PDB file of N, CA and C in Angstrom:
ATOM      1  N   UNK A   1       0.844  -1.175   0.000  1.00  0.00           N
ATOM      2  CA  UNK A   1       0.000   0.000   0.000  1.00  0.00           C
ATOM      3  C   UNK A   1       0.886   1.234   0.000  1.00  0.00           C
ATOM      4  N   UNK A   2       0.583   2.183  -0.885  1.00  0.00           N
ATOM      5  CA  UNK A   2       1.345   3.414  -0.909  1.00  0.00           C
ATOM      6  C   UNK A   2       0.453   4.560  -0.463  1.00  0.00           C
ATOM      7  N   UNK A   3       1.077   5.475   0.266  1.00  0.00           N
ATOM      8  CA  UNK A   3       0.344   6.658   0.671  1.00  0.00           C
ATOM      9  C   UNK A   3       0.215   7.582  -0.528  1.00  0.00           C
ATOM     10  N   UNK A   4      -0.609   8.605  -0.394  1.00  0.00           N
ATOM     11  CA  UNK A   4      -0.835   9.538  -1.489  1.00  0.00           C
ATOM     12  C   UNK A   4       0.420  10.299  -1.879  1.00  0.00           C
ATOM     13  N   UNK A   5       1.440  10.299  -1.024  1.00  0.00           N
ATOM     14  CA  UNK A   5       2.671  11.028  -1.316  1.00  0.00           C
ATOM     15  C   UNK A   5       3.526  10.304  -2.339  1.00  0.00           C
ATOM     16  N   UNK A   6       3.174   9.048  -2.666  1.00  0.00           N
ATOM     17  CA  UNK A   6       3.954   8.290  -3.624  1.00  0.00           C
ATOM     18  C   UNK A   6       5.071   7.486  -2.993  1.00  0.00           C
ATOM     19  N   UNK A   7       5.296   7.665  -1.693  1.00  0.00           N
ATOM     20  CA  UNK A   7       6.331   6.867  -1.036  1.00  0.00           C
ATOM     21  C   UNK A   7       5.682   5.674  -0.352  1.00  0.00           C
ATOM     22  N   UNK A   8       6.441   4.616  -0.121  1.00  0.00           N
ATOM     23  CA  UNK A   8       5.859   3.427   0.503  1.00  0.00           C
ATOM     24  C   UNK A   8       5.280   3.748   1.874  1.00  0.00           C
ATOM     25  N   UNK A   9       4.226   3.045   2.238  1.00  0.00           N
ATOM     26  CA  UNK A   9       3.625   3.252   3.549  1.00  0.00           C
ATOM     27  C   UNK A   9       4.514   2.654   4.616  1.00  0.00           C
ATOM     28  N   UNK A  10       4.265   3.032   5.844  1.00  0.00           N
ATOM     29  CA  UNK A  10       5.020   2.502   6.977  1.00  0.00           C
ATOM     30  C   UNK A  10       4.877   0.991   7.054  1.00  0.00           C
ATOM     31  N   UNK A  11       3.692   0.476   6.765  1.00  0.00           N
ATOM     32  CA  UNK A  11       3.464  -0.975   6.818  1.00  0.00           C
ATOM     33  C   UNK A  11       4.355  -1.691   5.814  1.00  0.00           C
ATOM     34  N   UNK A  12       4.484  -1.141   4.604  1.00  0.00           N
ATOM     35  CA  UNK A  12       5.367  -1.738   3.605  1.00  0.00           C
ATOM     36  C   UNK A  12       6.819  -1.686   4.073  1.00  0.00           C
ATOM     37  N   UNK A  13       7.205  -0.570   4.671  1.00  0.00           N
ATOM     38  CA  UNK A  13       8.573  -0.407   5.136  1.00  0.00           C
ATOM     39  C   UNK A  13       8.898  -1.376   6.260  1.00  0.00           C
ATOM     40  N   UNK A  14       7.950  -1.596   7.154  1.00  0.00           N
ATOM     41  CA  UNK A  14       8.174  -2.521   8.266  1.00  0.00           C
ATOM     42  C   UNK A  14       8.460  -3.920   7.742  1.00  0.00           C
ATOM     43  N   UNK A  15       7.857  -4.286   6.628  1.00  0.00           N
ATOM     44  CA  UNK A  15       8.075  -5.615   6.071  1.00  0.00           C
ATOM     45  C   UNK A  15       9.491  -5.784   5.521  1.00  0.00           C
ATOM     46  N   UNK A  16      10.226  -4.686   5.316  1.00  0.00           N
ATOM     47  CA  UNK A  16      11.605  -4.789   4.843  1.00  0.00           C
ATOM     48  C   UNK A  16      12.574  -5.076   5.984  1.00  0.00           C
ATOM     49  N   UNK A  17      12.103  -4.979   7.221  1.00  0.00           N
ATOM     50  CA  UNK A  17      12.964  -5.243   8.371  1.00  0.00           C
ATOM     51  C   UNK A  17      13.239  -6.737   8.496  1.00  0.00           C
ATOM     52  N   UNK A  18      14.414  -7.066   9.012  1.00  0.00           N
ATOM     53  CA  UNK A  18      14.729  -8.465   9.287  1.00  0.00           C
ATOM     54  C   UNK A  18      13.842  -8.946  10.437  1.00  0.00           C
ATOM     55  N   UNK A  19      13.721 -10.250  10.617  1.00  0.00           N
ATOM     56  CA  UNK A  19      12.905 -10.745  11.752  1.00  0.00           C
ATOM     57  C   UNK A  19      13.351 -10.166  13.096  1.00  0.00           C
ATOM     58  N   UNK A  20      14.654 -10.079  13.343  1.00  0.00           N
ATOM     59  CA  UNK A  20      15.132  -9.511  14.615  1.00  0.00           C
ATOM     60  C   UNK A  20      14.788  -8.032  14.703  1.00  0.00           C
ATOM     61  N   UNK A  21      14.947  -7.300  13.601  1.00  0.00           N
ATOM     62  CA  UNK A  21      14.593  -5.878  13.602  1.00  0.00           C
ATOM     63  C   UNK A  21      13.108  -5.700  13.856  1.00  0.00           C
ATOM     64  N   UNK A  22      12.275  -6.582  13.328  1.00  0.00           N
ATOM     65  CA  UNK A  22      10.842  -6.491  13.585  1.00  0.00           C
ATOM     66  C   UNK A  22      10.554  -6.708  15.065  1.00  0.00           C
ATOM     67  N   UNK A  23      11.259  -7.635  15.700  1.00  0.00           N
ATOM     68  CA  UNK A  23      11.082  -7.849  17.139  1.00  0.00           C
ATOM     69  C   UNK A  23      11.455  -6.589  17.914  1.00  0.00           C
ATOM     70  N   UNK A  24      12.607  -6.002  17.558  1.00  0.00           N
ATOM     71  CA  UNK A  24      13.045  -4.772  18.222  1.00  0.00           C
ATOM     72  C   UNK A  24      12.056  -3.647  17.951  1.00  0.00           C
ATOM     73  N   UNK A  25      11.557  -3.559  16.731  1.00  0.00           N
ATOM     74  CA  UNK A  25      10.556  -2.551  16.360  1.00  0.00           C
ATOM     75  C   UNK A  25       9.347  -2.623  17.303  1.00  0.00           C
ATOM     76  N   UNK A  26       8.841  -3.833  17.533  1.00  0.00           N
ATOM     77  CA  UNK A  26       7.683  -3.988  18.415  1.00  0.00           C
ATOM     78  C   UNK A  26       8.030  -3.668  19.866  1.00  0.00           C
ATOM     79  N   UNK A  27       9.253  -3.934  20.268  1.00  0.00           N
ATOM     80  CA  UNK A  27       9.686  -3.542  21.614  1.00  0.00           C
ATOM     81  C   UNK A  27       9.738  -2.021  21.740  1.00  0.00           C
ATOM     82  N   UNK A  28      10.196  -1.351  20.686  1.00  0.00           N
ATOM     83  CA  UNK A  28      10.223   0.112  20.698  1.00  0.00           C
ATOM     84  C   UNK A  28       8.814   0.673  20.802  1.00  0.00           C
ATOM     85  N   UNK A  29       7.864   0.027  20.119  1.00  0.00           N
ATOM     86  CA  UNK A  29       6.471   0.486  20.199  1.00  0.00           C
ATOM     87  C   UNK A  29       5.920   0.331  21.610  1.00  0.00           C
ATOM     88  N   UNK A  30       6.485  -0.598  22.371  1.00  0.00           N
ATOM     89  CA  UNK A  30       6.080  -0.781  23.770  1.00  0.00           C
ATOM     90  C   UNK A  30       6.921   0.094  24.700  1.00  0.00           C
ATOM     91  N   UNK A  31       7.642   1.056  24.114  1.00  0.00           N
ATOM     92  CA  UNK A  31       8.459   2.038  24.838  1.00  0.00           C
ATOM     93  C   UNK A  31       9.618   1.421  25.611  1.00  0.00           C
ATOM     94  N   UNK A  32      10.109   0.277  25.153  1.00  0.00           N
ATOM     95  CA  UNK A  32      11.272  -0.314  25.804  1.00  0.00           C
ATOM     96  C   UNK A  32      12.520   0.480  25.424  1.00  0.00           C
ATOM     97  N   UNK A  33      13.432   0.582  26.356  1.00  0.00           N
ATOM     98  CA  UNK A  33      14.700   1.279  26.140  1.00  0.00           C
ATOM     99  C   UNK A  33      15.748   0.291  25.635  1.00  0.00           C
ATOM    100  N   UNK A  34      16.825   0.833  25.066  1.00  0.00           N
ATOM    101  CA  UNK A  34      17.895  -0.001  24.512  1.00  0.00           C
ATOM    102  C   UNK A  34      18.426  -0.976  25.560  1.00  0.00           C
ATOM    103  N   UNK A  35      18.560  -0.525  26.788  1.00  0.00           N
ATOM    104  CA  UNK A  35      19.070  -1.387  27.866  1.00  0.00           C
ATOM    105  C   UNK A  35      18.138  -2.581  28.093  1.00  0.00           C
ATOM    106  N   UNK A  36      16.830  -2.342  28.049  1.00  0.00           N
ATOM    107  CA  UNK A  36      15.849  -3.413  28.239  1.00  0.00           C
ATOM    108  C   UNK A  36      15.854  -4.378  27.049  1.00  0.00           C
ATOM    109  N   UNK A  37      15.984  -3.826  25.850  1.00  0.00           N
ATOM    110  CA  UNK A  37      16.042  -4.665  24.645  1.00  0.00           C
ATOM    111  C   UNK A  37      17.291  -5.535  24.686  1.00  0.00           C
ATOM    112  N   UNK A  38      18.404  -4.939  25.094  1.00  0.00           N
ATOM    113  CA  UNK A  38      19.658  -5.687  25.198  1.00  0.00           C
ATOM    114  C   UNK A  38      19.510  -6.847  26.180  1.00  0.00           C
ATOM    115  N   UNK A  39      18.894  -6.592  27.319  1.00  0.00           N
ATOM    116  CA  UNK A  39      18.704  -7.644  28.320  1.00  0.00           C
ATOM    117  C   UNK A  39      17.797  -8.745  27.780  1.00  0.00           C
ATOM    118  N   UNK A  40      16.761  -8.374  27.056  1.00  0.00           N
ATOM    119  CA  UNK A  40      15.811  -9.341  26.499  1.00  0.00           C
ATOM    120  C   UNK A  40      16.504 -10.310  25.524  1.00  0.00           C
ATOM    121  N   UNK A  41      17.437  -9.794  24.737  1.00  0.00           N
ATOM    122  CA  UNK A  41      18.118 -10.612  23.734  1.00  0.00           C
ATOM    123  C   UNK A  41      19.503 -11.087  24.175  1.00  0.00           C
ATOM    124  N   UNK A  42      19.888 -10.750  25.388  1.00  0.00           N
ATOM    125  CA  UNK A  42      21.222 -11.102  25.904  1.00  0.00           C
ATOM    126  C   UNK A  42      22.331 -10.593  24.980  1.00  0.00           C
ATOM    127  N   UNK A  43      22.198  -9.315  24.612  1.00  0.00           N
ATOM    128  CA  UNK A  43      23.215  -8.651  23.797  1.00  0.00           C
ATOM    129  C   UNK A  43      23.642  -7.382  24.518  1.00  0.00           C
ATOM    130  N   UNK A  44      24.673  -6.731  24.001  1.00  0.00           N
ATOM    131  CA  UNK A  44      25.122  -5.486  24.618  1.00  0.00           C
ATOM    132  C   UNK A  44      24.157  -4.351  24.267  1.00  0.00           C
ATOM    133  N   UNK A  45      24.242  -3.288  25.037  1.00  0.00           N
ATOM    134  CA  UNK A  45      23.445  -2.098  24.734  1.00  0.00           C
ATOM    135  C   UNK A  45      23.872  -1.544  23.371  1.00  0.00           C
ATOM    136  N   UNK A  46      25.170  -1.629  23.070  1.00  0.00           N
ATOM    137  CA  UNK A  46      25.665  -1.202  21.761  1.00  0.00           C
ATOM    138  C   UNK A  46      24.952  -1.976  20.655  1.00  0.00           C
ATOM    139  N   UNK A  47      24.802  -3.295  20.840  1.00  0.00           N
ATOM    140  CA  UNK A  47      24.114  -4.133  19.851  1.00  0.00           C
ATOM    141  C   UNK A  47      22.662  -3.728  19.689  1.00  0.00           C
ATOM    142  N   UNK A  48      22.004  -3.451  20.800  1.00  0.00           N
ATOM    143  CA  UNK A  48      20.600  -3.011  20.743  1.00  0.00           C
ATOM    144  C   UNK A  48      20.499  -1.681  20.007  1.00  0.00           C
ATOM    145  N   UNK A  49      21.411  -0.767  20.313  1.00  0.00           N
ATOM    146  CA  UNK A  49      21.402   0.537  19.622  1.00  0.00           C
ATOM    147  C   UNK A  49      21.672   0.383  18.137  1.00  0.00           C
ATOM    148  N   UNK A  50      22.492  -0.589  17.751  1.00  0.00           N
ATOM    149  CA  UNK A  50      22.735  -0.854  16.341  1.00  0.00           C
ATOM    150  C   UNK A  50      21.423  -1.233  15.643  1.00  0.00           C
ATOM    151  N   UNK A  51      20.656  -2.159  16.247  1.00  0.00           N
ATOM    152  CA  UNK A  51      19.374  -2.550  15.665  1.00  0.00           C
ATOM    153  C   UNK A  51      18.437  -1.349  15.562  1.00  0.00           C
ATOM    154  N   UNK A  52      18.397  -0.542  16.604  1.00  0.00           N
ATOM    155  CA  UNK A  52      17.514   0.628  16.629  1.00  0.00           C
ATOM    156  C   UNK A  52      17.891   1.593  15.501  1.00  0.00           C
ATOM    157  N   UNK A  53      19.180   1.841  15.324  1.00  0.00           N
ATOM    158  CA  UNK A  53      19.622   2.755  14.257  1.00  0.00           C
ATOM    159  C   UNK A  53      19.272   2.198  12.875  1.00  0.00           C
ATOM    160  N   UNK A  54      19.421   0.886  12.705  1.00  0.00           N
ATOM    161  CA  UNK A  54      19.061   0.261  11.432  1.00  0.00           C
ATOM    162  C   UNK A  54      17.563   0.437  11.152  1.00  0.00           C
ATOM    163  N   UNK A  55      16.751   0.260  12.169  1.00  0.00           N
ATOM    164  CA  UNK A  55      15.298   0.420  12.024  1.00  0.00           C
ATOM    165  C   UNK A  55      14.967   1.859  11.649  1.00  0.00           C
ATOM    166  N   UNK A  56      15.553   2.813  12.364  1.00  0.00           N
ATOM    167  CA  UNK A  56      15.310   4.229  12.058  1.00  0.00           C
ATOM    168  C   UNK A  56      15.699   4.534  10.610  1.00  0.00           C
ATOM    169  N   UNK A  57      16.858   4.014  10.181  1.00  0.00           N
ATOM    170  CA  UNK A  57      17.325   4.281   8.816  1.00  0.00           C
ATOM    171  C   UNK A  57      16.362   3.693   7.795  1.00  0.00           C
ATOM    172  N   UNK A  58      15.958   2.432   7.996  1.00  0.00           N
ATOM    173  CA  UNK A  58      15.081   1.769   7.034  1.00  0.00           C
ATOM    174  C   UNK A  58      13.695   2.396   6.989  1.00  0.00           C
ATOM    175  N   UNK A  59      13.223   2.898   8.130  1.00  0.00           N
ATOM    176  CA  UNK A  59      11.884   3.485   8.182  1.00  0.00           C
ATOM    177  C   UNK A  59      11.904   5.000   8.020  1.00  0.00           C
ATOM    178  N   UNK A  60      13.107   5.558   7.836  1.00  0.00           N
ATOM    179  CA  UNK A  60      13.273   6.987   7.593  1.00  0.00           C
ATOM    180  C   UNK A  60      12.685   7.838   8.719  1.00  0.00           C
ATOM    181  N   UNK A  61      13.047   7.484   9.954  1.00  0.00           N
ATOM    182  CA  UNK A  61      12.646   8.272  11.125  1.00  0.00           C
ATOM    183  C   UNK A  61      13.904   8.624  11.910  1.00  0.00           C
ATOM    184  N   UNK A  62      13.766   9.592  12.816  1.00  0.00           N
ATOM    185  CA  UNK A  62      14.920  10.062  13.589  1.00  0.00           C
ATOM    186  C   UNK A  62      14.789   9.869  15.086  1.00  0.00           C
ATOM    187  N   UNK A  63      13.625   9.410  15.540  1.00  0.00           N
ATOM    188  CA  UNK A  63      13.432   9.240  16.975  1.00  0.00           C
ATOM    189  C   UNK A  63      12.358   8.191  17.246  1.00  0.00           C
ATOM    190  N   UNK A  64      12.329   7.725  18.481  1.00  0.00           N
ATOM    191  CA  UNK A  64      11.317   6.752  18.874  1.00  0.00           C
ATOM    192  C   UNK A  64       9.920   7.382  18.774  1.00  0.00           C
ATOM    193  N   UNK A  65       9.814   8.637  19.141  1.00  0.00           N
ATOM    194  CA  UNK A  65       8.525   9.333  19.058  1.00  0.00           C
ATOM    195  C   UNK A  65       8.022   9.375  17.619  1.00  0.00           C
ATOM    196  N   UNK A  66       8.891   9.734  16.696  1.00  0.00           N
ATOM    197  CA  UNK A  66       8.507   9.781  15.283  1.00  0.00           C
ATOM    198  C   UNK A  66       8.127   8.391  14.785  1.00  0.00           C
ATOM    199  N   UNK A  67       8.865   7.374  15.206  1.00  0.00           N
ATOM    200  CA  UNK A  67       8.566   5.998  14.828  1.00  0.00           C
ATOM    201  C   UNK A  67       7.153   5.619  15.273  1.00  0.00           C
ATOM    202  N   UNK A  68       6.844   5.894  16.522  1.00  0.00           N
ATOM    203  CA  UNK A  68       5.539   5.533  17.080  1.00  0.00           C
ATOM    204  C   UNK A  68       4.422   6.302  16.386  1.00  0.00           C
ATOM    205  N   UNK A  69       4.616   7.611  16.198  1.00  0.00           N
ATOM    206  CA  UNK A  69       3.575   8.422  15.556  1.00  0.00           C
ATOM    207  C   UNK A  69       3.300   7.952  14.133  1.00  0.00           C
ATOM    208  N   UNK A  70       4.349   7.687  13.363  1.00  0.00           N
ATOM    209  CA  UNK A  70       4.152   7.250  11.982  1.00  0.00           C
ATOM    210  C   UNK A  70       3.529   5.869  11.924  1.00  0.00           C
ATOM    211  N   UNK A  71       3.913   4.988  12.839  1.00  0.00           N
ATOM    212  CA  UNK A  71       3.342   3.648  12.862  1.00  0.00           C
ATOM    213  C   UNK A  71       1.838   3.721  13.134  1.00  0.00           C
ATOM    214  N   UNK A  72       1.439   4.499  14.127  1.00  0.00           N
ATOM    215  CA  UNK A  72       0.018   4.578  14.449  1.00  0.00           C
ATOM    216  C   UNK A  72      -0.776   5.332  13.400  1.00  0.00           C
ATOM    217  N   UNK A  73      -0.158   6.328  12.737  1.00  0.00           N
ATOM    218  CA  UNK A  73      -0.826   7.000  11.614  1.00  0.00           C
ATOM    219  C   UNK A  73      -1.079   5.994  10.497  1.00  0.00           C
ATOM    220  N   UNK A  74      -0.094   5.159  10.243  1.00  0.00           N
ATOM    221  CA  UNK A  74      -0.208   4.139   9.197  1.00  0.00           C
ATOM    222  C   UNK A  74      -1.303   3.142   9.550  1.00  0.00           C
ATOM    223  N   UNK A  75      -1.346   2.710  10.790  1.00  0.00           N
ATOM    224  CA  UNK A  75      -2.383   1.758  11.214  1.00  0.00           C
ATOM    225  C   UNK A  75      -3.771   2.350  11.018  1.00  0.00           C
ATOM    226  N   UNK A  76      -3.910   3.629  11.307  1.00  0.00           N
ATOM    227  CA  UNK A  76      -5.201   4.284  11.119  1.00  0.00           C
ATOM    228  C   UNK A  76      -5.586   4.294   9.640  1.00  0.00           C
ATOM    229  N   UNK A  77      -4.634   4.585   8.757  1.00  0.00           N
ATOM    230  CA  UNK A  77      -4.910   4.580   7.314  1.00  0.00           C
ATOM    231  C   UNK A  77      -5.326   3.187   6.844  1.00  0.00           C
ATOM    232  N   UNK A  78      -4.636   2.163   7.341  1.00  0.00           N
ATOM    233  CA  UNK A  78      -4.963   0.788   6.954  1.00  0.00           C
ATOM    234  C   UNK A  78      -6.366   0.429   7.422  1.00  0.00           C
ATOM    235  N   UNK A  79      -6.701   0.786   8.647  1.00  0.00           N
ATOM    236  CA  UNK A  79      -8.034   0.492   9.166  1.00  0.00           C
ATOM    237  C   UNK A  79      -9.098   1.221   8.360  1.00  0.00           C
ATOM    238  N   UNK A  80      -8.841   2.459   7.963  1.00  0.00           N
ATOM    239  CA  UNK A  80      -9.807   3.196   7.137  1.00  0.00           C
ATOM    240  C   UNK A  80      -9.995   2.520   5.784  1.00  0.00           C
ATOM    241  N   UNK A  81      -8.899   2.041   5.190  1.00  0.00           N
ATOM    242  CA  UNK A  81      -8.986   1.333   3.904  1.00  0.00           C
ATOM    243  C   UNK A  81      -9.790   0.042   4.062  1.00  0.00           C
ATOM    244  N   UNK A  82      -9.579  -0.662   5.163  1.00  0.00           N
ATOM    245  CA  UNK A  82     -10.297  -1.910   5.416  1.00  0.00           C
ATOM    246  C   UNK A  82     -11.807  -1.649   5.531  1.00  0.00           C
ATOM    247  N   UNK A  83     -12.155  -0.536   6.180  1.00  0.00           N
ATOM    248  CA  UNK A  83     -13.581  -0.213   6.349  1.00  0.00           C
ATOM    249  C   UNK A  83     -14.247   0.143   5.029  1.00  0.00           C
ATOM    250  N   UNK A  84     -13.484   0.675   4.081  1.00  0.00           N
ATOM    251  CA  UNK A  84     -14.031   1.054   2.786  1.00  0.00           C
ATOM    252  C   UNK A  84     -14.364  -0.177   1.918  1.00  0.00           C
ATOM    253  N   UNK A  85     -13.730  -1.296   2.213  1.00  0.00           N
ATOM    254  CA  UNK A  85     -13.926  -2.506   1.403  1.00  0.00           C
ATOM    255  C   UNK A  85     -15.246  -3.172   1.673  1.00  0.00           C
TER     256      UNK A  85
END
């Protein structure tokens, strides 16, 4: 699904993430911090931050707040499209 701007929607972009990045993405949506993500996966905080930076780059966002806002905006658009069907 593409937004009216001609760029891929957030949902399409999320599908480009690796399985581990998708897991981290969902942890970020639950407001988990890098330290908590690192503990969950038994990796260093540096490793968790690496995944977070990769996600931000792939989804073209600069902060956790922007990530969350764009994700929920996208979900709203998808739900509206579903209701139109």
